[in-house]
N, C-alpha and C. Protein backbone atom coordinates (compact mmCIF):
# COMPACT_ATOMS: atom_id res chain seq x y z
N MET A 1 70.54 109.54 63.33
CA MET A 1 70.22 109.23 64.79
C MET A 1 71.17 109.96 65.58
N SER A 2 70.59 110.42 66.76
CA SER A 2 71.58 111.36 67.50
C SER A 2 72.61 110.44 68.16
N GLU A 3 73.75 110.93 68.63
CA GLU A 3 74.78 110.09 69.38
C GLU A 3 74.24 109.58 70.62
N ASN A 4 73.39 110.45 71.38
CA ASN A 4 72.88 110.23 72.59
C ASN A 4 71.38 109.67 72.55
N ALA A 5 71.05 109.20 71.51
CA ALA A 5 69.60 108.68 71.40
C ALA A 5 69.44 107.41 72.39
N GLY A 6 68.44 107.34 73.09
CA GLY A 6 68.14 106.26 73.98
C GLY A 6 68.78 106.36 75.19
N GLN A 7 69.57 107.51 75.33
CA GLN A 7 70.32 107.49 76.70
C GLN A 7 69.38 108.70 77.44
N PRO A 8 69.39 108.54 78.94
CA PRO A 8 68.55 109.77 79.85
C PRO A 8 69.37 110.87 79.43
N GLU A 9 68.53 112.00 79.56
CA GLU A 9 69.04 113.23 79.34
C GLU A 9 70.05 113.64 80.62
N ARG A 10 71.32 114.15 80.10
CA ARG A 10 72.25 114.64 81.13
C ARG A 10 71.70 115.75 81.99
N ARG A 11 71.64 115.67 83.29
CA ARG A 11 71.19 116.86 84.18
C ARG A 11 72.48 117.36 85.02
N GLN A 12 72.25 118.53 85.72
CA GLN A 12 73.38 118.92 86.61
C GLN A 12 72.97 118.02 87.63
N ALA A 13 74.00 117.65 88.38
CA ALA A 13 73.98 116.74 89.64
C ALA A 13 73.95 117.62 90.81
N TRP A 14 72.75 117.53 91.57
CA TRP A 14 72.77 118.06 92.79
C TRP A 14 72.27 117.07 94.00
N PRO A 15 72.67 117.51 95.12
CA PRO A 15 73.48 118.55 95.63
C PRO A 15 74.82 118.37 95.52
N ARG A 16 75.66 119.44 95.53
CA ARG A 16 76.83 119.68 95.58
C ARG A 16 77.59 119.71 96.92
N CYS A 17 78.57 119.29 97.27
CA CYS A 17 79.30 119.58 98.57
C CYS A 17 80.08 120.87 98.67
N GLY A 18 80.08 121.49 99.62
CA GLY A 18 80.86 122.67 99.81
C GLY A 18 81.47 123.11 101.37
N ALA A 19 82.41 123.80 101.28
CA ALA A 19 82.89 124.15 102.81
C ALA A 19 82.92 125.58 103.12
N SER A 20 82.77 125.99 104.12
CA SER A 20 82.99 127.51 104.52
C SER A 20 83.56 127.52 105.90
N ALA A 21 84.08 128.61 106.36
CA ALA A 21 84.42 128.78 107.49
C ALA A 21 84.22 130.19 108.30
N ALA A 22 83.93 130.22 109.63
CA ALA A 22 83.84 131.29 110.34
C ALA A 22 85.13 131.55 111.01
N ILE A 23 85.96 132.57 110.50
CA ILE A 23 87.33 132.77 111.03
C ILE A 23 87.26 133.98 112.02
N PHE A 24 87.66 133.90 113.02
CA PHE A 24 87.53 135.03 114.19
C PHE A 24 89.05 135.47 114.44
N ARG A 25 89.07 136.91 114.65
CA ARG A 25 90.18 137.40 115.03
C ARG A 25 89.66 138.54 116.05
N ASP A 26 90.02 137.98 117.40
CA ASP A 26 89.61 138.81 118.38
C ASP A 26 87.91 138.85 118.41
N ASP A 27 87.27 139.83 118.54
CA ASP A 27 85.89 139.71 118.28
C ASP A 27 85.11 139.83 117.03
N ALA A 28 85.96 139.85 115.91
CA ALA A 28 85.53 140.13 114.65
C ALA A 28 85.46 138.82 113.81
N VAL A 29 84.68 138.61 112.88
CA VAL A 29 84.48 137.72 112.09
C VAL A 29 84.72 138.01 110.46
N LEU A 30 85.47 136.92 109.71
CA LEU A 30 85.64 137.37 108.53
C LEU A 30 84.63 137.03 107.34
N LEU A 31 84.47 138.33 106.71
CA LEU A 31 83.09 138.10 105.72
C LEU A 31 83.55 138.45 104.42
N ILE A 32 83.06 137.89 103.49
CA ILE A 32 83.18 138.33 102.04
C ILE A 32 81.77 138.99 101.53
N GLU A 33 82.03 139.64 100.50
CA GLU A 33 81.02 140.09 99.70
C GLU A 33 80.88 139.34 98.32
N ARG A 34 80.01 138.53 98.22
CA ARG A 34 79.91 137.70 97.10
C ARG A 34 79.91 138.47 95.60
N ALA A 35 80.77 138.12 94.70
CA ALA A 35 80.96 138.84 93.65
C ALA A 35 80.18 138.44 92.25
N LYS A 36 79.43 137.45 92.37
CA LYS A 36 78.99 136.70 91.31
C LYS A 36 77.74 135.80 91.59
N GLY A 37 76.90 135.24 90.73
CA GLY A 37 75.88 134.22 90.97
C GLY A 37 74.67 134.72 91.39
N ALA A 38 73.82 134.04 91.87
CA ALA A 38 72.45 134.49 92.56
C ALA A 38 72.63 135.33 93.89
N LEU A 39 73.84 135.10 94.54
CA LEU A 39 73.92 135.64 95.60
C LEU A 39 74.91 136.93 96.03
N LYS A 40 74.94 137.30 94.71
CA LYS A 40 75.86 138.60 94.43
C LYS A 40 75.47 139.80 95.06
N GLY A 41 76.51 140.48 95.89
CA GLY A 41 76.13 141.62 96.80
C GLY A 41 75.90 141.17 98.12
N ARG A 42 75.52 139.92 98.54
CA ARG A 42 75.40 139.49 99.72
C ARG A 42 76.71 139.22 100.42
N TRP A 43 76.41 139.54 101.79
CA TRP A 43 77.72 139.06 102.50
C TRP A 43 77.55 137.74 103.36
N SER A 44 78.74 136.95 103.16
CA SER A 44 78.79 135.70 103.75
C SER A 44 80.10 135.01 104.19
N LEU A 45 80.14 133.96 104.74
CA LEU A 45 81.43 133.34 105.06
C LEU A 45 82.13 132.98 103.82
N PRO A 46 83.44 133.10 103.84
CA PRO A 46 84.27 132.72 102.69
C PRO A 46 84.09 130.96 102.55
N GLY A 47 83.89 130.58 101.36
CA GLY A 47 83.81 129.09 101.19
C GLY A 47 83.56 128.85 99.65
N GLY A 48 83.54 127.52 99.39
CA GLY A 48 83.28 127.12 98.11
C GLY A 48 83.17 125.66 98.02
N HIS A 49 83.60 125.03 96.72
CA HIS A 49 83.33 123.61 96.40
C HIS A 49 84.56 122.82 97.26
N ILE A 50 84.20 121.66 97.71
CA ILE A 50 85.19 120.76 97.93
C ILE A 50 85.60 119.97 96.77
N GLU A 51 87.08 119.74 96.81
CA GLU A 51 87.65 119.24 95.48
C GLU A 51 87.51 117.75 95.66
N PRO A 52 87.70 116.77 94.83
CA PRO A 52 87.67 115.49 94.77
C PRO A 52 88.92 114.96 95.53
N GLY A 53 88.58 114.26 96.60
CA GLY A 53 90.01 113.85 97.48
C GLY A 53 90.34 114.89 98.35
N GLU A 54 89.49 116.01 98.72
CA GLU A 54 89.86 116.95 99.57
C GLU A 54 88.91 116.80 100.68
N THR A 55 89.45 117.08 102.07
CA THR A 55 88.65 116.93 103.21
C THR A 55 87.91 118.25 103.23
N ALA A 56 86.72 118.18 104.09
CA ALA A 56 85.92 119.50 104.14
C ALA A 56 86.59 120.51 104.59
N SER A 57 87.36 120.18 105.87
CA SER A 57 88.31 121.25 106.58
C SER A 57 89.26 121.75 105.75
N ALA A 58 90.01 120.80 105.06
CA ALA A 58 90.89 121.40 104.25
C ALA A 58 90.47 122.36 103.19
N ALA A 59 89.41 121.99 102.67
CA ALA A 59 88.58 122.84 101.53
C ALA A 59 88.14 124.36 102.34
N ALA A 60 87.69 124.22 103.31
CA ALA A 60 87.46 125.47 104.12
C ALA A 60 88.51 126.31 104.35
N ARG A 61 89.75 125.87 104.73
CA ARG A 61 91.06 126.57 104.91
C ARG A 61 91.35 127.22 103.56
N ARG A 62 91.37 126.21 102.45
CA ARG A 62 91.83 126.56 101.09
C ARG A 62 90.93 127.80 100.57
N GLU A 63 89.75 127.65 100.59
CA GLU A 63 88.76 128.80 100.14
C GLU A 63 88.84 130.02 100.99
N VAL A 64 89.13 130.00 102.26
CA VAL A 64 89.38 131.11 103.05
C VAL A 64 90.55 131.79 102.52
N PHE A 65 91.42 131.17 102.31
CA PHE A 65 92.94 131.78 101.66
C PHE A 65 92.50 132.31 100.15
N GLU A 66 91.83 131.49 99.45
CA GLU A 66 91.43 131.91 97.91
C GLU A 66 91.00 133.11 97.81
N GLU A 67 89.74 133.31 98.77
CA GLU A 67 88.92 134.25 98.69
C GLU A 67 89.34 135.64 99.37
N THR A 68 90.11 135.49 100.46
CA THR A 68 90.41 136.52 101.33
C THR A 68 92.03 136.78 101.46
N GLY A 69 92.93 135.76 101.20
CA GLY A 69 94.34 136.00 101.37
C GLY A 69 94.76 135.75 102.89
N VAL A 70 93.52 135.35 103.67
CA VAL A 70 93.81 135.26 105.13
C VAL A 70 94.39 133.38 105.31
N GLU A 71 95.27 133.35 106.27
CA GLU A 71 95.73 132.17 106.43
C GLU A 71 94.99 131.73 107.83
N ALA A 72 94.43 130.61 108.11
CA ALA A 72 93.41 130.39 109.14
C ALA A 72 93.66 129.01 109.62
N GLU A 73 93.41 128.75 111.09
CA GLU A 73 93.36 127.46 111.49
C GLU A 73 91.97 127.11 111.75
N ILE A 74 91.45 125.74 111.38
CA ILE A 74 90.14 125.28 111.31
C ILE A 74 90.24 124.50 112.57
N SER A 75 88.96 124.80 113.52
CA SER A 75 89.22 124.08 114.82
C SER A 75 87.76 123.04 114.92
N ALA A 76 86.83 123.46 114.24
CA ALA A 76 85.85 122.52 114.71
C ALA A 76 84.67 122.66 113.40
N LEU A 77 83.92 121.72 113.35
CA LEU A 77 82.60 121.73 112.42
C LEU A 77 81.53 122.34 113.35
N VAL A 78 80.99 123.45 112.69
CA VAL A 78 79.82 123.98 113.22
C VAL A 78 78.62 123.49 113.11
N ASP A 79 78.35 123.02 111.64
CA ASP A 79 76.94 122.66 111.40
C ASP A 79 77.19 122.27 109.80
N LEU A 80 76.17 121.59 109.29
CA LEU A 80 75.82 121.31 107.85
C LEU A 80 74.45 122.22 107.45
N HIS A 81 75.06 123.02 106.39
CA HIS A 81 74.11 124.01 105.98
C HIS A 81 73.81 123.72 104.76
N GLU A 82 72.37 123.76 104.29
CA GLU A 82 71.78 123.73 103.12
C GLU A 82 71.48 124.92 102.38
N VAL A 83 71.91 125.08 101.23
CA VAL A 83 71.47 126.32 100.37
C VAL A 83 70.64 125.68 99.15
N ILE A 84 69.47 126.01 98.99
CA ILE A 84 68.74 125.57 97.80
C ILE A 84 68.14 126.79 97.23
N LEU A 85 68.44 127.12 95.89
CA LEU A 85 67.96 127.99 95.24
C LEU A 85 66.99 127.57 93.91
N ARG A 86 65.97 128.35 93.81
CA ARG A 86 65.10 127.88 92.88
C ARG A 86 64.84 129.13 91.71
N ALA A 87 64.61 128.84 90.64
CA ALA A 87 64.30 129.81 89.29
C ALA A 87 62.97 130.22 89.67
N GLY A 88 62.68 131.40 88.62
CA GLY A 88 61.41 131.93 88.89
C GLY A 88 60.08 130.86 88.65
N ASP A 89 60.46 130.00 88.12
CA ASP A 89 59.32 128.92 87.72
C ASP A 89 59.30 127.89 88.65
N GLY A 90 60.15 128.03 89.61
CA GLY A 90 60.00 126.87 90.75
C GLY A 90 61.02 125.83 90.71
N SER A 91 61.60 125.57 89.32
CA SER A 91 62.63 124.68 89.31
C SER A 91 64.07 124.80 89.67
N LEU A 92 64.42 123.79 90.25
CA LEU A 92 65.70 123.70 91.15
C LEU A 92 66.82 124.31 90.07
N SER A 93 67.60 125.35 90.58
CA SER A 93 68.64 125.86 90.08
C SER A 93 69.99 125.57 90.71
N ALA A 94 70.05 125.34 92.13
CA ALA A 94 71.18 125.02 92.82
C ALA A 94 70.74 124.37 94.17
N HIS A 95 71.72 123.40 94.65
CA HIS A 95 71.44 123.04 95.81
C HIS A 95 73.00 122.45 96.29
N TYR A 96 73.22 123.23 97.52
CA TYR A 96 74.52 122.83 98.09
C TYR A 96 74.42 122.51 99.46
N MET A 97 75.13 121.56 99.97
CA MET A 97 75.42 120.95 101.28
C MET A 97 76.63 121.66 101.64
N ILE A 98 76.53 122.57 102.54
CA ILE A 98 77.97 123.27 103.12
C ILE A 98 78.30 122.82 104.46
N ALA A 99 79.55 122.28 104.49
CA ALA A 99 80.06 122.04 105.88
C ALA A 99 80.67 123.32 106.33
N VAL A 100 80.15 123.77 107.41
CA VAL A 100 80.47 125.16 107.97
C VAL A 100 81.44 124.73 109.35
N HIS A 101 82.56 125.40 109.13
CA HIS A 101 83.53 125.32 110.14
C HIS A 101 83.79 126.78 111.02
N CYS A 102 84.52 126.54 111.99
CA CYS A 102 85.05 127.68 112.78
C CYS A 102 86.50 127.50 112.97
N GLY A 103 87.01 128.73 112.96
CA GLY A 103 88.51 128.60 113.17
C GLY A 103 89.00 130.23 113.69
N ARG A 104 90.34 130.25 113.71
CA ARG A 104 91.18 131.53 114.00
C ARG A 104 91.87 131.96 113.09
N TRP A 105 91.99 133.24 113.00
CA TRP A 105 93.00 134.05 111.95
C TRP A 105 94.46 133.54 112.58
N ARG A 106 95.22 133.20 111.67
CA ARG A 106 96.68 133.05 111.88
C ARG A 106 97.56 133.96 111.32
N ALA A 107 97.22 134.69 109.95
CA ALA A 107 97.93 135.64 109.26
C ALA A 107 97.36 136.16 108.09
N GLY A 108 97.79 137.44 107.83
CA GLY A 108 97.44 138.11 106.42
C GLY A 108 96.26 139.00 106.81
N GLU A 109 96.08 139.97 105.83
CA GLU A 109 95.00 140.98 105.94
C GLU A 109 94.04 140.76 104.84
N PRO A 110 92.63 140.84 105.13
CA PRO A 110 91.66 140.51 104.01
C PRO A 110 91.89 141.36 102.83
N VAL A 111 91.99 140.57 101.67
CA VAL A 111 91.91 141.33 100.31
C VAL A 111 90.83 140.27 99.51
N ALA A 112 90.01 141.09 98.94
CA ALA A 112 89.08 140.33 97.96
C ALA A 112 90.02 139.51 96.81
N GLY A 113 89.68 138.12 96.83
CA GLY A 113 90.17 137.23 95.59
C GLY A 113 89.26 136.44 95.11
N SER A 114 89.21 135.67 94.04
CA SER A 114 88.45 134.72 93.32
C SER A 114 86.99 135.30 93.36
N ASP A 115 86.20 134.61 94.00
CA ASP A 115 84.68 135.00 94.10
C ASP A 115 84.44 136.06 94.91
N ALA A 116 85.16 136.81 95.44
CA ALA A 116 84.91 137.82 96.30
C ALA A 116 84.89 139.18 95.78
N ALA A 117 83.87 140.26 96.09
CA ALA A 117 83.93 141.57 95.77
C ALA A 117 84.76 142.46 96.83
N ALA A 118 84.55 141.92 97.81
CA ALA A 118 85.24 142.58 99.26
C ALA A 118 85.40 141.50 100.07
N ALA A 119 86.34 141.73 101.06
CA ALA A 119 86.64 140.98 102.24
C ALA A 119 87.00 141.73 103.43
N ARG A 120 86.56 141.51 104.67
CA ARG A 120 86.86 142.39 105.75
C ARG A 120 86.58 141.50 107.09
N PHE A 121 87.09 141.87 108.24
CA PHE A 121 86.85 141.38 109.60
C PHE A 121 85.92 142.27 109.97
N VAL A 122 84.64 141.79 110.43
CA VAL A 122 83.64 142.57 110.95
C VAL A 122 83.22 142.17 112.35
N PRO A 123 83.09 143.30 113.24
CA PRO A 123 82.80 142.82 114.72
C PRO A 123 81.48 141.96 114.75
N VAL A 124 81.60 141.17 115.41
CA VAL A 124 80.29 140.36 115.62
C VAL A 124 79.33 141.12 115.94
N ALA A 125 79.18 141.89 116.62
CA ALA A 125 78.10 142.92 117.01
C ALA A 125 77.58 143.65 116.00
N ASP A 126 78.45 143.69 114.99
CA ASP A 126 77.75 144.79 113.69
C ASP A 126 77.29 143.82 112.61
N ILE A 127 77.26 142.60 112.63
CA ILE A 127 76.96 141.68 111.57
C ILE A 127 75.57 141.94 110.93
N ASP A 128 74.68 142.24 112.01
CA ASP A 128 73.34 142.46 111.52
C ASP A 128 73.12 143.73 110.33
N ALA A 129 73.93 144.49 110.46
CA ALA A 129 74.24 145.61 109.70
C ALA A 129 74.41 145.29 108.03
N TYR A 130 74.96 144.02 107.97
CA TYR A 130 75.25 143.71 106.66
C TYR A 130 74.20 142.72 105.97
N PRO A 131 73.89 142.84 104.61
CA PRO A 131 73.09 141.97 103.89
C PRO A 131 73.65 140.52 103.92
N LEU A 132 73.36 139.58 104.67
CA LEU A 132 74.04 138.62 104.89
C LEU A 132 73.18 137.28 103.95
N THR A 133 73.95 136.46 103.58
CA THR A 133 73.12 135.14 103.03
C THR A 133 72.26 134.48 103.94
N ASP A 134 71.21 133.74 103.71
CA ASP A 134 70.42 133.26 104.62
C ASP A 134 71.31 132.27 105.69
N GLY A 135 70.83 132.50 106.93
CA GLY A 135 71.32 131.31 108.01
C GLY A 135 72.59 131.92 108.34
N ALA A 136 73.60 132.82 107.85
CA ALA A 136 74.87 133.17 108.19
C ALA A 136 75.02 133.68 109.50
N ALA A 137 74.07 134.73 109.88
CA ALA A 137 73.92 135.22 111.27
C ALA A 137 73.96 134.30 112.32
N ALA A 138 72.97 133.23 112.34
CA ALA A 138 73.08 132.20 113.21
C ALA A 138 74.35 131.40 113.20
N LEU A 139 74.74 131.14 112.12
CA LEU A 139 75.90 130.12 112.08
C LEU A 139 77.11 130.74 112.62
N ILE A 140 77.28 132.28 112.30
CA ILE A 140 78.49 132.93 113.04
C ILE A 140 78.20 133.14 114.61
N ARG A 141 77.16 133.34 115.11
CA ARG A 141 76.89 133.41 116.56
C ARG A 141 76.99 132.17 117.06
N ARG A 142 76.78 130.94 116.43
CA ARG A 142 77.03 129.51 117.10
C ARG A 142 78.50 129.09 117.02
N ALA A 143 79.11 129.48 115.92
CA ALA A 143 80.67 129.30 115.69
C ALA A 143 81.23 130.20 116.84
N ARG A 144 80.94 131.49 117.20
CA ARG A 144 81.40 132.31 118.27
C ARG A 144 81.28 131.56 119.53
N GLU A 145 80.11 130.88 119.79
CA GLU A 145 80.16 130.35 121.18
C GLU A 145 80.80 129.26 121.22
N MET A 146 81.02 128.53 120.09
CA MET A 146 81.82 127.38 120.11
C MET A 146 83.28 127.62 120.47
N MET A 147 83.72 128.95 119.83
CA MET A 147 85.12 129.14 119.78
C MET A 147 85.31 129.83 121.08
N ALA A 148 84.41 130.29 121.84
CA ALA A 148 84.48 130.89 123.34
C ALA A 148 84.54 129.80 124.45
N ALA A 149 83.87 128.63 123.92
CA ALA A 149 83.87 127.62 125.04
C ALA A 149 85.00 127.21 125.42
N PRO A 150 85.47 126.71 126.81
CA PRO A 150 86.73 126.47 127.38
C PRO A 150 87.10 124.85 126.78
């Protein structure tokens, strides 16, 4: 008899919590090109999983540094953004609830690290020229408005 007989099948626990940040330096926003996974080749805000015991804003700051080498100050929560990915047969392959923050550059020049293939500051006026992840452009624009407010 199997060791797990009579127990429910173990499944991937979804949704998972993540954090990201729109970090601005003058009129440019920090973007990364995803290096792996279903979103490989798409540009997005740096971000990733929230570790147990870590606040969402601390996770955003850590992920910005790990993916780009940039030190940032996190100023505010922009929105909660859901990413739901489905396999070809329609089954759920991933579901993330991402706390999207905004903030300002403090130090460092972008260098791709951890999950990034590339990292750079992109003028906000030019973001539509990049193949962004779904919802990223609207979040960047909203974050820019929040950062510009007195």
